[in-house]
Protein backbone atom coordinates (compact mmCIF):
# COMPACT_ATOMS: atom_id res chain seq x y z
CA MET A 1 266.62 92.12 169.99
CA PHE A 2 264.35 94.35 172.09
CA ALA A 3 260.92 93.15 173.19
CA PHE A 4 259.22 96.10 175.05
CA ALA A 5 255.69 94.59 174.75
CA ARG A 6 256.70 91.31 176.42
CA THR A 7 259.28 92.56 178.98
CA ARG A 8 257.98 96.04 179.81
CA THR A 9 261.45 97.46 179.20
CA ARG A 10 261.45 101.23 179.69
CA PRO A 11 261.34 103.14 176.41
CA ASP A 12 264.78 104.65 176.95
CA ALA A 13 266.24 101.18 176.63
CA VAL A 14 265.32 101.17 172.93
CA ARG A 15 266.98 104.50 172.19
CA PRO A 16 269.94 102.87 170.29
CA VAL A 17 267.55 101.21 167.84
CA TRP A 18 265.50 104.32 167.39
CA ALA A 19 268.71 106.37 166.75
CA ALA A 20 269.94 103.87 164.21
CA VAL A 21 266.67 103.58 162.35
CA SER A 22 266.14 107.37 162.30
CA VAL A 23 269.36 107.63 160.18
CA LEU A 24 268.88 104.51 158.10
CA LEU A 25 265.40 105.69 156.81
CA GLU A 26 267.04 108.97 155.65
CA TYR A 27 267.82 109.73 152.03
CA PRO A 28 271.14 107.86 151.30
CA THR A 29 274.15 110.16 151.01
CA ALA A 30 277.82 109.55 150.87
CA GLU A 31 278.07 110.62 154.59
CA LEU A 32 275.45 108.11 155.66
CA VAL A 33 277.12 105.27 153.71
CA SER A 34 280.52 106.13 155.21
CA SER A 35 278.89 106.15 158.71
CA VAL A 36 277.43 102.58 158.41
CA ASP A 37 280.09 101.08 160.80
CA VAL A 38 279.35 103.75 163.37
CA ILE A 39 275.58 103.26 163.13
CA GLU A 40 275.98 99.47 163.32
CA SER A 41 278.06 99.96 166.55
CA LEU A 42 274.89 101.24 168.14
CA VAL A 43 273.07 98.06 167.58
CA PRO A 44 275.71 95.44 166.97
CA ASP A 45 273.47 92.46 167.72
CA ASN A 46 270.31 93.56 165.90
CA ALA A 47 269.46 90.76 163.56
CA HIS A 48 266.72 92.82 161.71
CA LEU A 49 269.10 95.55 160.75
CA ALA A 50 272.00 93.36 159.60
CA PRO A 51 270.78 92.88 156.01
CA LEU A 52 270.25 96.60 155.59
CA PHE A 53 273.81 97.40 156.77
CA ALA A 54 275.13 94.83 154.29
CA HIS A 55 272.87 96.36 151.42
CA LEU A 56 274.29 99.84 152.18
CA ARG A 57 277.81 98.60 152.07
CA ARG A 58 277.56 96.72 148.79
CA THR A 59 275.26 98.95 146.76
CA GLU A 60 276.46 101.89 144.68
CA LEU A 61 275.27 105.19 146.07
CA ARG A 62 273.38 106.25 142.94
CA ALA A 63 271.46 102.96 142.93
CA LEU A 64 270.62 103.50 146.68
CA GLN A 65 269.39 107.02 145.99
CA GLN A 66 267.26 105.90 143.04
CA ASP A 67 265.67 103.04 144.93
CA TYR A 68 264.96 105.30 147.92
CA VAL A 69 263.24 107.88 145.84
CA ALA A 70 261.21 105.21 144.05
CA THR A 71 260.18 103.77 147.31
CA PHE A 72 259.56 106.61 149.62
CA ASP A 73 258.86 109.65 147.32
CA HIS A 74 256.87 108.22 144.59
CA THR A 75 254.69 105.66 146.50
CA ARG A 76 252.12 106.97 148.78
CA LYS A 77 251.80 103.63 150.57
CA CYS A 78 255.42 104.00 151.76
CA ALA A 79 254.88 107.49 153.27
CA LEU A 80 257.24 108.17 156.11
CA TYR A 81 254.72 110.63 157.69
CA LEU A 82 252.76 109.10 160.59
CA THR A 83 249.61 111.17 160.35
CA TYR A 84 249.15 110.56 156.61
CA PHE A 85 247.73 107.02 156.90
CA ALA A 86 244.96 108.07 159.30
CA TYR A 87 244.19 111.47 157.79
CA GLY A 88 245.53 111.67 154.28
CA ASP A 89 245.92 115.30 153.21
CA THR A 90 242.75 116.50 155.06
CA ARG A 91 242.10 119.29 157.52
CA ARG A 92 242.02 116.81 160.43
CA ARG A 93 245.64 116.05 159.70
CA GLY A 94 246.62 119.67 160.29
CA MET A 95 245.47 119.46 163.82
CA ALA A 96 247.33 116.13 164.31
CA LEU A 97 250.48 117.84 163.11
CA VAL A 98 250.07 120.56 165.71
CA GLN A 99 249.90 117.96 168.46
CA PHE A 100 253.35 116.79 167.30
CA LYS A 101 254.74 120.22 167.62
CA GLU A 102 253.17 120.58 171.11
CA THR A 103 254.67 117.32 172.27
CA TYR A 104 258.09 118.53 171.20
CA ARG A 105 257.54 121.89 172.86
CA ALA A 106 256.47 120.16 176.16
CA ALA A 107 259.83 118.33 176.04
CA GLY A 108 261.79 121.55 175.75
CA VAL A 109 262.55 121.74 172.09
CA GLU A 110 260.83 123.43 169.19
CA TRP A 111 260.08 122.07 165.71
CA ASP A 112 262.02 124.06 163.06
CA ASP A 113 259.75 124.67 160.06
CA ALA A 114 262.74 126.05 158.18
CA THR A 115 263.70 122.36 157.49
CA GLY A 116 260.78 122.20 155.14
CA GLU A 117 259.74 119.03 156.76
CA LEU A 118 256.58 118.06 158.60
CA PRO A 119 256.84 117.26 162.32
CA ASP A 120 255.25 113.84 161.98
CA HIS A 121 258.17 112.49 159.81
CA LEU A 122 259.09 109.16 161.31
CA CYS A 123 262.81 109.91 161.33
CA ALA A 124 262.27 113.08 163.33
CA VAL A 125 260.04 111.22 165.92
CA LEU A 126 262.74 108.56 166.30
CA GLN A 127 265.37 111.08 166.73
CA PHE A 128 263.40 112.99 169.27
CA GLY A 129 262.95 109.71 171.19
CA ALA A 130 266.65 108.81 170.94
CA THR A 131 268.01 112.18 172.01
CA VAL A 132 265.35 114.14 173.88
CA ASP A 133 262.41 112.41 175.43
CA ALA A 134 261.95 108.63 174.88
CA GLU A 135 258.57 108.47 176.85
CA ALA A 136 256.97 111.22 174.72
CA ALA A 137 258.20 109.64 171.50
CA TRP A 138 256.92 106.33 172.68
CA GLN A 139 253.49 107.94 173.09
CA LEU A 140 253.51 109.38 169.59
CA LEU A 141 254.59 106.08 168.13
CA THR A 142 251.94 104.04 169.94
CA ASP A 143 249.31 106.62 169.11
CA HIS A 144 250.09 105.95 165.44
CA ARG A 145 250.88 102.31 165.76
CA ALA A 146 248.69 101.48 162.82
CA ALA A 147 250.61 103.76 160.59
CA VAL A 148 253.92 102.20 161.61
CA GLU A 149 252.43 98.73 160.83
CA MET A 150 251.12 99.98 157.43
CA LEU A 151 254.61 101.13 156.48
CA ARG A 152 256.06 97.80 157.69
CA LEU A 153 253.48 95.92 155.52
CA ALA A 154 254.21 98.07 152.39
CA LEU A 155 257.98 97.58 152.72
CA THR A 156 257.93 93.89 153.41
CA GLY A 157 255.57 93.38 150.58
CA TRP A 158 257.53 95.57 148.11
CA ARG A 159 258.04 94.03 144.69
CA ASN A 160 261.56 94.59 143.37
CA ASP A 161 262.47 94.84 139.69
CA ASP A 162 264.15 91.38 139.78
CA GLY A 163 260.89 89.80 140.95
CA THR A 164 261.94 89.32 144.60
CA THR A 165 259.78 90.60 147.43
CA GLY A 166 260.76 93.01 150.28
CA SER A 167 262.44 96.33 150.26
CA PRO A 168 265.89 96.59 151.84
CA TRP A 169 264.43 99.31 154.16
CA ALA A 170 261.89 96.83 155.45
CA ALA A 171 264.73 95.88 157.89
CA ALA A 172 264.43 99.29 159.60
CA LEU A 173 260.59 98.78 160.19
CA LEU A 174 261.07 95.36 161.49
CA ALA A 175 263.63 96.64 164.03
CA LEU A 176 261.34 99.45 164.99
CA CYS A 177 258.29 97.28 165.30
CA ASP A 178 260.21 94.87 167.58
CA THR A 179 260.49 97.71 170.11
CA MET A 180 256.72 98.40 170.14
CA PRO A 181 253.66 96.56 171.53
CA ASP A 182 251.88 93.99 169.28
CA LEU A 183 248.85 95.27 167.37
CA LYS A 184 245.51 94.65 169.28
CA GLY A 185 241.86 95.60 169.11
CA ASP A 186 241.23 98.89 167.48
CA GLU A 187 244.73 99.18 166.08
CA ALA A 188 244.40 95.89 164.19
CA ASP A 189 241.01 96.98 162.92
CA ALA A 190 242.56 100.29 161.81
CA VAL A 191 245.14 98.50 159.85
CA ARG A 192 242.63 96.31 158.13
CA ARG A 193 240.56 99.35 157.27
CA LEU A 194 243.56 101.23 155.82
CA VAL A 195 244.55 98.19 153.74
CA GLU A 196 241.01 98.00 152.29
CA GLU A 197 240.30 101.75 151.90
CA GLY A 198 243.51 103.71 152.09
CA PRO A 199 243.94 107.14 153.70
CA PRO A 200 241.18 109.73 153.43
CA ALA A 201 241.30 111.39 150.05
CA GLU A 202 240.13 114.98 150.67
CA GLU A 203 242.84 117.06 149.04
CA VAL A 204 243.65 120.29 150.93
CA GLY A 205 246.81 122.35 151.52
CA LEU A 206 248.54 122.01 154.82
CA GLU A 207 249.47 125.61 154.99
CA GLY A 208 248.58 127.14 158.27
CA TYR A 209 248.53 123.99 160.32
CA GLY A 210 250.78 125.86 162.90
CA ALA A 211 252.73 129.02 163.07
CA PRO A 212 256.50 128.62 162.45
CA LEU A 213 258.42 127.75 165.56
CA ILE A 214 261.94 128.88 165.55
CA SER A 215 264.21 128.32 168.52
CA PRO A 216 267.90 127.68 169.17
CA ALA A 217 266.75 124.17 170.29
CA THR A 218 265.28 122.52 167.23
CA ILE A 219 264.79 118.96 165.95
CA PRO A 220 266.15 118.45 162.40
CA VAL A 221 265.17 115.25 160.65
CA GLY A 222 267.84 112.55 161.09
CA ALA A 223 269.96 111.65 164.13
CA PRO A 224 273.13 113.61 164.84
CA ARG A 225 276.09 112.51 162.79
């Protein structure tokens, strides 16, 4: 178990956790399920992730996919986009997305818009930290610490069809949050405000938030297989 906030471990020490979580929060595929042993070998002693590995091993792929879509694609409170919680779909979010692209560029890689994803996708940020620049990813994550906490709360409080509480994917957020500082001050206030009010509701398109950036060095969503 990593404890960055308490021990001041350097961000690059948590790269194995970030790499594992970046894959585990992806849409389940046969390739992902067949790679569970490899992913677990990155974090063999992580108690938070053990239940998710077990769930992926014992659950039929179609059921995993249906649960994933119901959780992350049909529920706004479980959005995997870090800027969504603070800005919703507003013009201010567009500028925040540009900042993610600029962070990637400063580290020597370019965001590939051809993927069809936005650069604030949590899996992309974690892969960036695990494989490119841990310090820069650490800054993005801590800048959006309230968003990470909101996602953790949503997943740990998820109501399952059988009446139990807690999404299997909550394990990934617990592991991630264990690598980050505890909430404090303004961050805790931001979480309380988001719980009460939700993200801003001004609906606008996100077209034009940044010109396409195409480069041989790109960051796809998900860690390398």
